[in-house]
Amino acid sequence: MSMAVVGMVAGMALGFAGYFGGFGAFLLVAALGAVGFVAGRFLDGDLEPGDFFRARDRGDRRR
């Protein structure tokens, strides 16, 4: 399935949630979709848990 089709399905789901459930349902569907996306990336092996907890390099920081 192409990313365009996935984006269209996600947009339709958000649209239905917003129309039938209001803004709160829209936010809930968007948040759960983001969690599902991150979980899918973990399962595909595209993300590592350390990617979120790795310390930043302090040498490149401007003051």
N, C-alpha and C. Protein backbone atom coordinates (compact mmCIF):
# COMPACT_ATOMS: atom_id res chain seq x y z
N MET A 1 0.85 -1.17 0.00
CA MET A 1 0.00 0.00 0.00
C MET A 1 0.90 1.23 0.00
N SER A 2 0.61 2.16 -0.87
CA SER A 2 1.44 3.36 -0.98
C SER A 2 1.16 4.32 0.17
N MET A 3 2.11 5.20 0.41
CA MET A 3 1.96 6.18 1.49
C MET A 3 0.82 7.15 1.21
N ALA A 4 0.52 7.40 -0.06
CA ALA A 4 -0.59 8.28 -0.40
C ALA A 4 -1.93 7.66 0.04
N VAL A 5 -2.08 6.36 -0.15
CA VAL A 5 -3.30 5.67 0.25
C VAL A 5 -3.40 5.63 1.77
N VAL A 6 -2.29 5.38 2.45
CA VAL A 6 -2.29 5.37 3.90
C VAL A 6 -2.66 6.75 4.44
N GLY A 7 -2.11 7.80 3.84
CA GLY A 7 -2.45 9.16 4.25
C GLY A 7 -3.91 9.49 4.00
N MET A 8 -4.45 9.02 2.89
CA MET A 8 -5.85 9.26 2.59
C MET A 8 -6.76 8.56 3.60
N VAL A 9 -6.44 7.31 3.94
CA VAL A 9 -7.24 6.57 4.91
C VAL A 9 -7.16 7.23 6.29
N ALA A 10 -5.97 7.66 6.67
CA ALA A 10 -5.82 8.34 7.96
C ALA A 10 -6.61 9.65 7.97
N GLY A 11 -6.56 10.39 6.89
CA GLY A 11 -7.32 11.63 6.80
C GLY A 11 -8.82 11.40 6.86
N MET A 12 -9.28 10.34 6.21
CA MET A 12 -10.70 10.02 6.25
C MET A 12 -11.12 9.61 7.66
N ALA A 13 -10.28 8.84 8.35
CA ALA A 13 -10.60 8.43 9.72
C ALA A 13 -10.68 9.65 10.63
N LEU A 14 -9.74 10.57 10.49
CA LEU A 14 -9.77 11.79 11.29
C LEU A 14 -10.99 12.65 10.96
N GLY A 15 -11.33 12.70 9.68
CA GLY A 15 -12.51 13.46 9.28
C GLY A 15 -13.80 12.90 9.87
N PHE A 16 -13.95 11.57 9.80
CA PHE A 16 -15.14 10.95 10.39
C PHE A 16 -15.18 11.15 11.90
N ALA A 17 -14.03 11.01 12.55
CA ALA A 17 -13.99 11.21 14.01
C ALA A 17 -14.36 12.64 14.36
N GLY A 18 -13.85 13.59 13.61
CA GLY A 18 -14.18 14.99 13.87
C GLY A 18 -15.63 15.32 13.60
N TYR A 19 -16.19 14.73 12.56
CA TYR A 19 -17.57 15.03 12.20
C TYR A 19 -18.57 14.41 13.18
N PHE A 20 -18.35 13.13 13.48
CA PHE A 20 -19.32 12.41 14.31
C PHE A 20 -19.04 12.54 15.81
N GLY A 21 -17.79 12.72 16.20
CA GLY A 21 -17.47 12.71 17.62
C GLY A 21 -17.03 14.05 18.18
N GLY A 22 -16.82 15.02 17.33
CA GLY A 22 -16.38 16.33 17.79
C GLY A 22 -14.86 16.42 17.86
N PHE A 23 -14.42 17.53 18.38
CA PHE A 23 -12.98 17.82 18.40
C PHE A 23 -12.21 16.88 19.32
N GLY A 24 -12.82 16.48 20.45
CA GLY A 24 -12.16 15.56 21.38
C GLY A 24 -11.89 14.21 20.72
N ALA A 25 -12.86 13.71 19.97
CA ALA A 25 -12.66 12.44 19.26
C ALA A 25 -11.60 12.59 18.18
N PHE A 26 -11.57 13.74 17.53
CA PHE A 26 -10.54 14.01 16.52
C PHE A 26 -9.15 13.92 17.14
N LEU A 27 -8.97 14.56 18.30
CA LEU A 27 -7.67 14.53 18.97
C LEU A 27 -7.30 13.13 19.43
N LEU A 28 -8.29 12.38 19.93
CA LEU A 28 -8.04 11.02 20.39
C LEU A 28 -7.59 10.13 19.23
N VAL A 29 -8.27 10.22 18.10
CA VAL A 29 -7.90 9.42 16.94
C VAL A 29 -6.53 9.83 16.42
N ALA A 30 -6.23 11.12 16.42
CA ALA A 30 -4.91 11.58 15.97
C ALA A 30 -3.80 11.09 16.90
N ALA A 31 -4.03 11.14 18.20
CA ALA A 31 -3.01 10.69 19.16
C ALA A 31 -2.80 9.18 19.06
N LEU A 32 -3.87 8.42 18.98
CA LEU A 32 -3.73 6.97 18.85
C LEU A 32 -3.10 6.59 17.52
N GLY A 33 -3.38 7.35 16.49
CA GLY A 33 -2.73 7.10 15.20
C GLY A 33 -1.23 7.34 15.27
N ALA A 34 -0.83 8.38 15.99
CA ALA A 34 0.61 8.66 16.15
C ALA A 34 1.29 7.55 16.95
N VAL A 35 0.63 7.07 18.00
CA VAL A 35 1.18 5.97 18.80
C VAL A 35 1.30 4.71 17.94
N GLY A 36 0.29 4.43 17.15
CA GLY A 36 0.33 3.27 16.26
C GLY A 36 1.43 3.39 15.21
N PHE A 37 1.64 4.60 14.71
CA PHE A 37 2.69 4.82 13.73
C PHE A 37 4.07 4.54 14.32
N VAL A 38 4.31 5.06 15.53
CA VAL A 38 5.60 4.85 16.19
C VAL A 38 5.78 3.36 16.52
N ALA A 39 4.73 2.70 16.99
CA ALA A 39 4.82 1.27 17.29
C ALA A 39 5.12 0.47 16.02
N GLY A 40 4.50 0.85 14.92
CA GLY A 40 4.78 0.18 13.65
C GLY A 40 6.21 0.37 13.19
N ARG A 41 6.75 1.56 13.39
CA ARG A 41 8.14 1.81 13.03
C ARG A 41 9.09 0.97 13.88
N PHE A 42 8.75 0.80 15.19
CA PHE A 42 9.55 -0.06 16.06
C PHE A 42 9.51 -1.50 15.55
N LEU A 43 8.33 -1.98 15.21
CA LEU A 43 8.18 -3.36 14.77
C LEU A 43 8.86 -3.61 13.43
N ASP A 44 8.88 -2.60 12.56
CA ASP A 44 9.57 -2.73 11.28
C ASP A 44 11.08 -2.67 11.43
N GLY A 45 11.55 -2.18 12.57
CA GLY A 45 12.99 -2.07 12.80
C GLY A 45 13.57 -0.75 12.34
N ASP A 46 12.71 0.23 12.02
CA ASP A 46 13.19 1.54 11.57
C ASP A 46 13.59 2.44 12.73
N LEU A 47 13.09 2.16 13.93
CA LEU A 47 13.41 2.96 15.11
C LEU A 47 13.98 2.05 16.19
N GLU A 48 14.83 2.60 16.99
CA GLU A 48 15.37 1.92 18.16
C GLU A 48 14.91 2.68 19.41
N PRO A 49 14.71 1.98 20.52
CA PRO A 49 14.30 2.69 21.74
C PRO A 49 15.30 3.77 22.16
N GLY A 50 16.57 3.58 21.88
CA GLY A 50 17.60 4.55 22.23
C GLY A 50 17.50 5.84 21.43
N ASP A 51 16.78 5.83 20.31
CA ASP A 51 16.63 7.05 19.51
C ASP A 51 15.92 8.15 20.28
N PHE A 52 15.05 7.78 21.22
CA PHE A 52 14.32 8.77 22.00
C PHE A 52 15.07 9.21 23.24
N PHE A 53 16.02 8.40 23.70
CA PHE A 53 16.68 8.66 24.98
C PHE A 53 18.15 9.01 24.85
N ARG A 54 18.64 9.12 23.65
CA ARG A 54 20.04 9.42 23.43
C ARG A 54 20.33 10.87 23.80
N ALA A 55 21.45 11.09 24.49
CA ALA A 55 21.83 12.45 24.87
C ALA A 55 22.32 13.23 23.64
N ARG A 56 22.01 14.49 23.62
CA ARG A 56 22.47 15.33 22.51
C ARG A 56 23.91 15.69 22.68
N ASP A 57 24.56 15.93 21.57
CA ASP A 57 25.96 16.35 21.59
C ASP A 57 26.01 17.82 22.01
N ARG A 58 26.68 18.10 23.10
CA ARG A 58 26.71 19.47 23.65
C ARG A 58 27.73 20.36 22.94
N GLY A 59 28.60 19.78 22.11
CA GLY A 59 29.64 20.57 21.46
C GLY A 59 29.10 21.49 20.38
N ASP A 60 27.98 21.15 19.76
CA ASP A 60 27.42 21.96 18.67
C ASP A 60 26.47 23.04 19.15
N ARG A 61 26.26 23.14 20.43
CA ARG A 61 25.28 24.08 20.98
C ARG A 61 25.85 25.49 21.03
N ARG A 62 25.07 26.44 20.52
CA ARG A 62 25.48 27.85 20.59
C ARG A 62 24.90 28.48 21.84
N ARG A 63 25.65 29.42 22.41
CA ARG A 63 25.18 30.09 23.62
C ARG A 63 24.94 31.53 23.37
